[in-house]
C-alpha atoms as a PDB file:
ATOM      1  CA  MET A   1      37.108  62.231   4.515  1.00  0.00           C
ATOM      2  CA  ASN A   2      36.197  58.684   3.528  1.00  0.00           C
ATOM      3  CA  ILE A   3      32.976  57.228   4.937  1.00  0.00           C
ATOM      4  CA  ASN A   4      32.669  53.479   5.299  1.00  0.00           C
ATOM      5  CA  SER A   5      29.368  52.131   3.960  1.00  0.00           C
ATOM      6  CA  SER A   6      28.879  50.201   7.204  1.00  0.00           C
ATOM      7  CA  GLN A   7      28.833  53.521   9.033  1.00  0.00           C
ATOM      8  CA  LEU A   8      25.963  55.002   7.009  1.00  0.00           C
ATOM      9  CA  PRO A   9      22.939  56.090   9.073  1.00  0.00           C
ATOM     10  CA  GLY A  10      20.272  53.424   9.344  1.00  0.00           C
ATOM     11  CA  ASP A  11      22.536  50.606   8.124  1.00  0.00           C
ATOM     12  CA  SER A  12      23.010  49.118  11.581  1.00  0.00           C
ATOM     13  CA  SER A  13      19.281  49.463  12.245  1.00  0.00           C
ATOM     14  CA  LEU A  14      18.485  47.566   9.025  1.00  0.00           C
ATOM     15  CA  GLN A  15      20.949  44.834   9.924  1.00  0.00           C
ATOM     16  CA  SER A  16      19.463  44.603  13.405  1.00  0.00           C
ATOM     17  CA  ARG A  17      15.920  44.245  12.054  1.00  0.00           C
ATOM     18  CA  PHE A  18      17.102  41.565   9.630  1.00  0.00           C
ATOM     19  CA  LEU A  19      18.746  39.570  12.415  1.00  0.00           C
ATOM     20  CA  ILE A  20      15.642  39.882  14.600  1.00  0.00           C
ATOM     21  CA  ALA A  21      13.419  38.688  11.747  1.00  0.00           C
ATOM     22  CA  MET A  22      15.769  35.770  11.066  1.00  0.00           C
ATOM     23  CA  ARG A  23      15.682  34.805  14.737  1.00  0.00           C
ATOM     24  CA  ARG A  24      11.880  34.979  14.812  1.00  0.00           C
ATOM     25  CA  TYR A  25      11.489  32.745  11.767  1.00  0.00           C
ATOM     26  CA  LEU A  26      14.094  30.292  13.021  1.00  0.00           C
ATOM     27  CA  GLU A  27      12.149  30.024  16.271  1.00  0.00           C
ATOM     28  CA  ALA A  28       8.929  29.548  14.283  1.00  0.00           C
ATOM     29  CA  MET A  29      10.584  26.847  12.168  1.00  0.00           C
ATOM     30  CA  GLY A  30      11.694  25.137  15.361  1.00  0.00           C
ATOM     31  CA  SER A  31       8.097  25.179  16.650  1.00  0.00           C
ATOM     32  CA  VAL A  32       6.752  23.707  13.416  1.00  0.00           C
ATOM     33  CA  ALA A  33       9.492  21.070  13.255  1.00  0.00           C
ATOM     34  CA  LEU A  34       8.802  20.060  16.849  1.00  0.00           C
ATOM     35  CA  ALA A  35       5.050  19.898  16.169  1.00  0.00           C
ATOM     36  CA  MET A  36       5.555  17.670  13.115  1.00  0.00           C
ATOM     37  CA  SER A  37       7.936  15.438  15.077  1.00  0.00           C
ATOM     38  CA  ILE A  38       5.355  15.044  17.843  1.00  0.00           C
ATOM     39  CA  CYS A  39       2.691  14.184  15.240  1.00  0.00           C
ATOM     40  CA  LEU A  40       4.977  11.538  13.720  1.00  0.00           C
ATOM     41  CA  VAL A  41       5.659   9.970  17.107  1.00  0.00           C
ATOM     42  CA  VAL A  42       1.965   9.959  18.024  1.00  0.00           C
ATOM     43  CA  LEU A  43       1.004   8.410  14.682  1.00  0.00           C
ATOM     44  CA  ARG A  44       3.729   5.800  15.067  1.00  0.00           C
ATOM     45  CA  HIS A  45       2.332   4.649  18.404  1.00  0.00           C
ATOM     46  CA  LEU A  46      -1.346   4.900  17.437  1.00  0.00           C
ATOM     47  CA  LYS A  47      -1.040   3.134  14.078  1.00  0.00           C
ATOM     48  CA  ASP A  48       1.913   0.847  14.862  1.00  0.00           C
ATOM     49  CA  VAL A  49       3.982   1.894  11.835  1.00  0.00           C
ATOM     50  CA  THR A  50       7.663   2.779  11.548  1.00  0.00           C
ATOM     51  CA  LEU A  51       8.904   6.367  11.503  1.00  0.00           C
ATOM     52  CA  LEU A  52      10.635   5.778   8.165  1.00  0.00           C
ATOM     53  CA  SER A  53       7.337   4.625   6.690  1.00  0.00           C
ATOM     54  CA  LEU A  54       5.565   7.735   7.988  1.00  0.00           C
ATOM     55  CA  VAL A  55       8.267  10.054   6.639  1.00  0.00           C
ATOM     56  CA  ASP A  56       7.998   8.330   3.251  1.00  0.00           C
ATOM     57  CA  GLN A  57       4.203   8.751   3.295  1.00  0.00           C
ATOM     58  CA  PHE A  58       4.581  12.463   4.138  1.00  0.00           C
ATOM     59  CA  SER A  59       7.015  13.008   1.273  1.00  0.00           C
ATOM     60  CA  ASN A  60       4.776  11.191  -1.233  1.00  0.00           C
ATOM     61  CA  VAL A  61       1.315  12.189  -0.028  1.00  0.00           C
ATOM     62  CA  PHE A  62       0.818  14.834  -2.735  1.00  0.00           C
ATOM     63  CA  LYS A  63       2.065  12.547  -5.523  1.00  0.00           C
ATOM     64  CA  HIS A  64      -0.954  10.258  -5.336  1.00  0.00           C
ATOM     65  CA  VAL A  65      -4.243  12.008  -5.935  1.00  0.00           C
ATOM     66  CA  ASP A  66      -7.648  10.299  -5.971  1.00  0.00           C
ATOM     67  CA  PHE A  67      -9.145  12.218  -8.891  1.00  0.00           C
ATOM     68  CA  ASN A  68     -12.524  10.487  -8.583  1.00  0.00           C
ATOM     69  CA  ASN A  69     -13.092  11.416  -4.940  1.00  0.00           C
ATOM     70  CA  GLY A  70     -11.022  14.603  -4.881  1.00  0.00           C
ATOM     71  CA  TYR A  71      -8.631  13.916  -2.032  1.00  0.00           C
ATOM     72  CA  TYR A  72      -4.974  13.105  -1.540  1.00  0.00           C
ATOM     73  CA  ALA A  73      -3.581   9.853  -0.231  1.00  0.00           C
ATOM     74  CA  LYS A  74      -3.897   9.179   3.492  1.00  0.00           C
ATOM     75  CA  ILE A  75      -1.082   9.032   6.031  1.00  0.00           C
ATOM     76  CA  ALA A  76      -1.394   6.080   8.408  1.00  0.00           C
ATOM     77  CA  ASN A  77      -5.001   5.793   7.156  1.00  0.00           C
ATOM     78  CA  ILE A  78      -5.807   9.343   8.359  1.00  0.00           C
ATOM     79  CA  GLU A  79      -6.863  12.181   6.068  1.00  0.00           C
ATOM     80  CA  VAL A  80      -3.820  14.354   5.349  1.00  0.00           C
ATOM     81  CA  ALA A  81      -5.834  17.548   5.915  1.00  0.00           C
ATOM     82  CA  TRP A  82      -6.508  16.569   9.536  1.00  0.00           C
ATOM     83  CA  ILE A  83      -2.828  15.792  10.124  1.00  0.00           C
ATOM     84  CA  PHE A  84      -1.658  19.151   8.787  1.00  0.00           C
ATOM     85  CA  ALA A  85      -4.390  20.915  10.771  1.00  0.00           C
ATOM     86  CA  GLY A  86      -3.161  19.143  13.910  1.00  0.00           C
ATOM     87  CA  CYS A  87       0.426  20.196  13.196  1.00  0.00           C
ATOM     88  CA  PHE A  88      -0.777  23.758  12.617  1.00  0.00           C
ATOM     89  CA  VAL A  89      -2.602  23.959  15.962  1.00  0.00           C
ATOM     90  CA  LEU A  90       0.204  22.191  17.815  1.00  0.00           C
ATOM     91  CA  SER A  91       2.720  24.678  16.392  1.00  0.00           C
ATOM     92  CA  PHE A  92       0.661  27.530  17.873  1.00  0.00           C
ATOM     93  CA  VAL A  93       0.541  25.778  21.242  1.00  0.00           C
ATOM     94  CA  ILE A  94       4.306  25.217  21.244  1.00  0.00           C
ATOM     95  CA  ARG A  95       4.908  28.839  20.270  1.00  0.00           C
ATOM     96  CA  ALA A  96       2.649  30.054  23.081  1.00  0.00           C
ATOM     97  CA  LEU A  97       4.432  27.820  25.591  1.00  0.00           C
ATOM     98  CA  PHE A  98       7.769  29.175  24.353  1.00  0.00           C
ATOM     99  CA  PHE A  99       6.614  32.734  25.017  1.00  0.00           C
ATOM    100  CA  ALA A 100       5.297  31.735  28.432  1.00  0.00           C
ATOM    101  CA  VAL A 101       8.597  30.130  29.434  1.00  0.00           C
ATOM    102  CA  CYS A 102      10.641  33.050  28.099  1.00  0.00           C
ATOM    103  CA  HIS A 103       8.467  35.447  30.100  1.00  0.00           C
ATOM    104  CA  LEU A 104       9.846  33.862  33.267  1.00  0.00           C
ATOM    105  CA  LEU A 105      13.450  34.457  32.205  1.00  0.00           C
ATOM    106  CA  PRO A 106      15.125  37.777  33.108  1.00  0.00           C
ATOM    107  CA  ARG A 107      16.088  40.253  30.384  1.00  0.00           C
ATOM    108  CA  LYS A 108      14.454  38.244  27.628  1.00  0.00           C
ATOM    109  CA  GLN A 109      13.024  40.258  24.737  1.00  0.00           C
ATOM    110  CA  LEU A 110       9.764  38.541  23.895  1.00  0.00           C
ATOM    111  CA  GLY A 111       8.211  40.773  21.303  1.00  0.00           C
ATOM    112  CA  ASP A 112       4.555  40.391  20.364  1.00  0.00           C
ATOM    113  CA  LEU A 113       2.903  36.964  20.673  1.00  0.00           C
ATOM    114  CA  ARG A 114       0.641  37.798  17.727  1.00  0.00           C
ATOM    115  CA  ILE A 115       3.727  38.296  15.565  1.00  0.00           C
ATOM    116  CA  GLY A 116       4.974  34.924  16.782  1.00  0.00           C
ATOM    117  CA  PHE A 117       1.716  33.287  15.696  1.00  0.00           C
ATOM    118  CA  ARG A 118       1.970  35.026  12.335  1.00  0.00           C
ATOM    119  CA  ASP A 119       5.498  33.693  11.858  1.00  0.00           C
ATOM    120  CA  VAL A 120       4.317  30.160  12.634  1.00  0.00           C
ATOM    121  CA  ALA A 121       1.449  30.475  10.157  1.00  0.00           C
ATOM    122  CA  VAL A 122       3.844  31.667   7.428  1.00  0.00           C
ATOM    123  CA  VAL A 123       6.247  28.777   8.088  1.00  0.00           C
ATOM    124  CA  VAL A 124       3.433  26.172   8.056  1.00  0.00           C
ATOM    125  CA  ILE A 125       2.058  27.511   4.773  1.00  0.00           C
ATOM    126  CA  VAL A 126       5.545  27.503   3.218  1.00  0.00           C
ATOM    127  CA  VAL A 127       6.216  23.929   4.413  1.00  0.00           C
ATOM    128  CA  VAL A 128       2.911  22.609   3.029  1.00  0.00           C
ATOM    129  CA  ALA A 129       3.476  24.504  -0.231  1.00  0.00           C
ATOM    130  CA  LEU A 130       6.976  23.009  -0.564  1.00  0.00           C
ATOM    131  CA  ILE A 131       5.674  19.485   0.052  1.00  0.00           C
ATOM    132  CA  GLN A 132       2.981  20.065  -2.574  1.00  0.00           C
ATOM    133  CA  LEU A 133       5.559  21.466  -4.997  1.00  0.00           C
ATOM    134  CA  ILE A 134       7.766  18.399  -4.531  1.00  0.00           C
ATOM    135  CA  GLY A 135       4.744  16.178  -5.138  1.00  0.00           C
ATOM    136  CA  MET A 136       3.766  18.059  -8.297  1.00  0.00           C
ATOM    137  CA  ILE A 137       7.338  17.833  -9.591  1.00  0.00           C
ATOM    138  CA  GLY A 138       7.208  14.079  -8.993  1.00  0.00           C
ATOM    139  CA  ILE A 139       3.929  13.820 -10.941  1.00  0.00           C
ATOM    140  CA  PHE A 140       5.405  15.913 -13.768  1.00  0.00           C
ATOM    141  CA  GLN A 141       8.482  13.670 -13.940  1.00  0.00           C
ATOM    142  CA  GLN A 142       6.287  10.582 -14.083  1.00  0.00           C
ATOM    143  CA  GLU A 143       4.151  12.077 -16.840  1.00  0.00           C
ATOM    144  CA  ARG A 144       7.297  12.847 -18.836  1.00  0.00           C
ATOM    145  CA  GLN A 145       8.376   9.204 -18.859  1.00  0.00           C
ATOM    146  CA  PRO A 146       7.796   7.453 -22.219  1.00  0.00           C
ATOM    147  CA  ASP A 147       6.180   4.423 -20.600  1.00  0.00           C
ATOM    148  CA  THR A 148       3.777   6.729 -18.751  1.00  0.00           C
ATOM    149  CA  LYS A 149       2.576   8.195 -22.052  1.00  0.00           C
ATOM    150  CA  ILE A 150       2.090   4.699 -23.432  1.00  0.00           C
ATOM    151  CA  LYS A 151       0.094   3.692 -20.341  1.00  0.00           C
ATOM    152  CA  SER A 152      -1.977   6.865 -20.572  1.00  0.00           C
ATOM    153  CA  LEU A 153      -2.865   6.080 -24.191  1.00  0.00           C
ATOM    154  CA  TYR A 154      -3.675   2.480 -23.248  1.00  0.00           C
ATOM    155  CA  TYR A 155      -5.997   3.582 -20.432  1.00  0.00           C
ATOM    156  CA  GLN A 156      -7.738   6.059 -22.721  1.00  0.00           C
ATOM    157  CA  LYS A 157      -8.467   3.276 -25.211  1.00  0.00           C
ATOM    158  CA  THR A 158      -9.512   0.921 -22.401  1.00  0.00           C
ATOM    159  CA  ASN A 159     -11.891   3.521 -20.978  1.00  0.00           C
ATOM    160  CA  ALA A 160     -13.451   4.083 -24.410  1.00  0.00           C
ATOM    161  CA  ARG A 161     -13.924   0.335 -24.873  1.00  0.00           C
ATOM    162  CA  VAL A 162     -15.503  -0.069 -21.429  1.00  0.00           C
ATOM    163  CA  GLU A 163     -17.830   2.896 -22.073  1.00  0.00           C
ATOM    164  CA  ASN A 164     -18.990   1.304 -25.330  1.00  0.00           C
ATOM    165  CA  ILE A 165     -19.681  -2.036 -23.604  1.00  0.00           C
ATOM    166  CA  VAL A 166     -21.571  -0.376 -20.742  1.00  0.00           C
ATOM    167  CA  GLU A 167     -23.767   1.581 -23.144  1.00  0.00           C
ATOM    168  CA  ARG A 168     -24.771  -1.680 -24.838  1.00  0.00           C
ATOM    169  CA  PHE A 169     -25.613  -3.289 -21.502  1.00  0.00           C
ATOM    170  CA  LYS A 170     -27.458  -0.340 -19.946  1.00  0.00           C
ATOM    171  CA  LYS A 171     -30.613  -0.988 -21.943  1.00  0.00           C
ATOM    172  CA  HIS A 172     -31.022  -4.241 -19.987  1.00  0.00           C
ATOM    173  CA  ILE A 173     -30.408  -2.693 -16.546  1.00  0.00           C
ATOM    174  CA  PRO A 174     -32.744  -0.120 -14.947  1.00  0.00           C
ATOM    175  CA  GLN A 175     -31.382   2.826 -12.998  1.00  0.00           C
ATOM    176  CA  GLY A 176     -31.220   2.130  -9.283  1.00  0.00           C
ATOM    177  CA  ALA A 177     -30.501  -1.565  -9.818  1.00  0.00           C
ATOM    178  CA  THR A 178     -27.900  -3.365  -7.721  1.00  0.00           C
ATOM    179  CA  LEU A 179     -25.409  -4.999 -10.039  1.00  0.00           C
ATOM    180  CA  LYS A 180     -22.825  -7.612  -9.052  1.00  0.00           C
ATOM    181  CA  LEU A 181     -19.669  -8.120 -11.091  1.00  0.00           C
ATOM    182  CA  VAL A 182     -18.587 -11.675 -11.898  1.00  0.00           C
ATOM    183  CA  THR A 183     -15.223 -11.828 -13.634  1.00  0.00           C
ATOM    184  CA  ASP A 184     -11.949 -13.698 -13.940  1.00  0.00           C
ATOM    185  CA  MET A 185     -10.013 -10.425 -13.726  1.00  0.00           C
ATOM    186  CA  PRO A 186      -7.944  -9.800 -10.536  1.00  0.00           C
ATOM    187  CA  TYR A 187      -9.553  -6.380 -10.101  1.00  0.00           C
ATOM    188  CA  LYS A 188      -8.844  -6.302  -6.357  1.00  0.00           C
ATOM    189  CA  LYS A 189      -5.115  -6.841  -6.796  1.00  0.00           C
ATOM    190  CA  ARG A 190      -3.576  -5.049  -9.773  1.00  0.00           C
ATOM    191  CA  ASP A 191      -4.023  -2.995 -12.933  1.00  0.00           C
ATOM    192  CA  PRO A 192      -5.291  -2.990 -15.615  1.00  0.00           C
ATOM    193  CA  ALA A 193      -8.084  -5.047 -14.033  1.00  0.00           C
ATOM    194  CA  MET A 194      -8.454  -2.506 -11.207  1.00  0.00           C
ATOM    195  CA  TYR A 195      -8.740   0.305 -13.735  1.00  0.00           C
ATOM    196  CA  ILE A 196     -11.363  -1.577 -15.742  1.00  0.00           C
ATOM    197  CA  HIS A 197     -13.396  -2.126 -12.570  1.00  0.00           C
ATOM    198  CA  ARG A 198     -13.264   1.578 -11.715  1.00  0.00           C
ATOM    199  CA  ALA A 199     -14.268   2.442 -15.283  1.00  0.00           C
ATOM    200  CA  LEU A 200     -17.236   0.065 -15.053  1.00  0.00           C
ATOM    201  CA  VAL A 201     -18.333   1.639 -11.770  1.00  0.00           C
ATOM    202  CA  PHE A 202     -18.040   5.116 -13.271  1.00  0.00           C
ATOM    203  CA  HIS A 203     -19.909   4.439 -16.521  1.00  0.00           C
ATOM    204  CA  PHE A 204     -22.674   2.332 -14.932  1.00  0.00           C
ATOM    205  CA  TYR A 205     -23.534   5.086 -12.422  1.00  0.00           C
ATOM    206  CA  PRO A 206     -26.199   5.527 -11.006  1.00  0.00           C
ATOM    207  CA  THR A 207     -26.499   1.743 -11.166  1.00  0.00           C
ATOM    208  CA  ASP A 208     -24.768   0.429  -8.044  1.00  0.00           C
ATOM    209  CA  LEU A 209     -21.922  -1.914  -8.980  1.00  0.00           C
ATOM    210  CA  ARG A 210     -20.290  -1.982  -5.533  1.00  0.00           C
ATOM    211  CA  ASN A 211     -23.442  -2.501  -3.468  1.00  0.00           C
ATOM    212  CA  ILE A 212     -22.894   0.726  -1.591  1.00  0.00           C
ATOM    213  CA  ARG A 213     -26.622   0.960  -0.853  1.00  0.00           C
ATOM    214  CA  GLN A 214     -26.572  -2.516   0.762  1.00  0.00           C
ATOM    215  CA  LYS A 215     -29.506  -3.781  -1.317  1.00  0.00           C
ATOM    216  CA  GLU A 216     -30.302  -7.227  -2.632  1.00  0.00           C
ATOM    217  CA  VAL A 217     -28.550  -8.008  -5.916  1.00  0.00           C
ATOM    218  CA  SER A 218     -30.964  -7.631  -8.818  1.00  0.00           C
ATOM    219  CA  HIS A 219     -28.600  -8.214 -11.748  1.00  0.00           C
ATOM    220  CA  PHE A 220     -25.304  -9.975 -12.472  1.00  0.00           C
ATOM    221  CA  LEU A 221     -22.719  -8.601 -14.870  1.00  0.00           C
ATOM    222  CA  PHE A 222     -20.423 -11.194 -16.420  1.00  0.00           C
ATOM    223  CA  TYR A 223     -17.354  -9.401 -17.714  1.00  0.00           C
ATOM    224  CA  ASN A 224     -14.416 -11.371 -19.121  1.00  0.00           C
ATOM    225  CA  LYS A 225     -15.832 -14.475 -17.452  1.00  0.00           C
ATOM    226  CA  ARG A 226     -15.126 -17.841 -19.053  1.00  0.00           C
ATOM    227  CA  ASN A 227     -18.097 -20.218 -19.236  1.00  0.00           C
ATOM    228  CA  PHE A 228     -20.324 -17.657 -17.539  1.00  0.00           C
ATOM    229  CA  THR A 229     -23.423 -19.751 -18.293  1.00  0.00           C
ATOM    230  CA  LYS A 230     -22.261 -22.236 -15.661  1.00  0.00           C
ATOM    231  CA  THR A 231     -22.084 -19.527 -12.984  1.00  0.00           C
ATOM    232  CA  VAL A 232     -25.505 -17.974 -13.486  1.00  0.00           C
ATOM    233  CA  PRO A 233     -27.202 -18.291 -10.052  1.00  0.00           C
ATOM    234  CA  ASP A 234     -30.486 -20.115  -9.593  1.00  0.00           C
ATOM    235  CA  GLY A 235     -33.449 -17.846 -10.133  1.00  0.00           C
ATOM    236  CA  PHE A 236     -31.571 -15.714 -12.674  1.00  0.00           C
ATOM    237  CA  GLU A 237     -31.531 -15.802 -16.450  1.00  0.00           C
ATOM    238  CA  VAL A 238     -29.370 -14.180 -19.112  1.00  0.00           C
ATOM    239  CA  ILE A 239     -31.199 -11.204 -20.635  1.00  0.00           C
ATOM    240  CA  GLY A 240     -28.353  -9.676 -22.616  1.00  0.00           C
ATOM    241  CA  LYS A 241     -25.306 -11.269 -24.192  1.00  0.00           C
ATOM    242  CA  LEU A 242     -22.420  -9.499 -25.894  1.00  0.00           C
ATOM    243  CA  ASN A 243     -20.108 -12.423 -26.545  1.00  0.00           C
ATOM    244  CA  ARG A 244     -18.959 -15.683 -24.951  1.00  0.00           C
ATOM    245  CA  ARG A 245     -17.480 -13.848 -21.943  1.00  0.00           C
ATOM    246  CA  MET A 246     -19.796 -10.875 -21.443  1.00  0.00           C
ATOM    247  CA  ALA A 247     -23.468 -10.896 -20.506  1.00  0.00           C
ATOM    248  CA  VAL A 248     -26.080  -9.608 -18.065  1.00  0.00           C
ATOM    249  CA  ALA A 249     -28.405 -11.790 -15.992  1.00  0.00           C
ATOM    250  CA  ALA A 250     -31.523 -10.694 -14.113  1.00  0.00           C
ATOM    251  CA  ARG A 251     -34.054 -12.348 -11.838  1.00  0.00           C
ATOM    252  CA  LYS A 252     -36.574 -14.414 -13.729  1.00  0.00           C
ATOM    253  CA  ASP A 253     -39.413 -12.437 -12.187  1.00  0.00           C
ATOM    254  CA  SER A 254     -37.770  -9.128 -13.126  1.00  0.00           C
ATOM    255  CA  SER A 255     -39.636  -6.838 -15.473  1.00  0.00           C
ATOM    256  CA  THR A 256     -36.404  -5.660 -17.047  1.00  0.00           C
ATOM    257  CA  GLN A 257     -36.223  -6.338 -20.723  1.00  0.00           C
END
């Protein structure tokens, strides 16, 4: 007597459990997708940005990391962690509402709400992990580009040069001073000037180069500034000069030498 493998004991039970699990996770995915859609719509109306722009920011958020401050790029000027936390909570709420509505329907097999919450948590974690993985793949592809390696080498040399210049200027500037940068570089618009500015801020620390402490300026740093002697403010004098475009000026009554 031939026995079909589909007729083996327990096979139908295994298939049934698989289908139930698939249905649960599909429902959980629907809850998460709905929660993310609601978040996108809310952000669109609150921040007055297009949905396409928001979707693009979501897909690229893990590709741009602020290594100095330790956080990822923002979405619609909101920390990405708060957005994902909101989607996470909203997914739970949607799942709970789904169970509540299904409870009113006759002959509906609900299962355990705690299992439903667990399924949502698994789906959210997988979605965030996939977005991160896509972002890391994008970073890896960028790092593999020949021009990226050339830029990386250029920035390493630039950073070393800036560090050397700062070390020569530091002897003229006391710690805790408020330093103002005067330069011809477009450091608020594009690299490499932006990178040089960040390197100056980093290497001059704890000297405040961005006036974060909101104190009166005590020193001026002239960096790549043509004819800087003509821009020295009244009441200040040059106390350290590196070349025709780089110098430090302090108040005339300053004790800094």
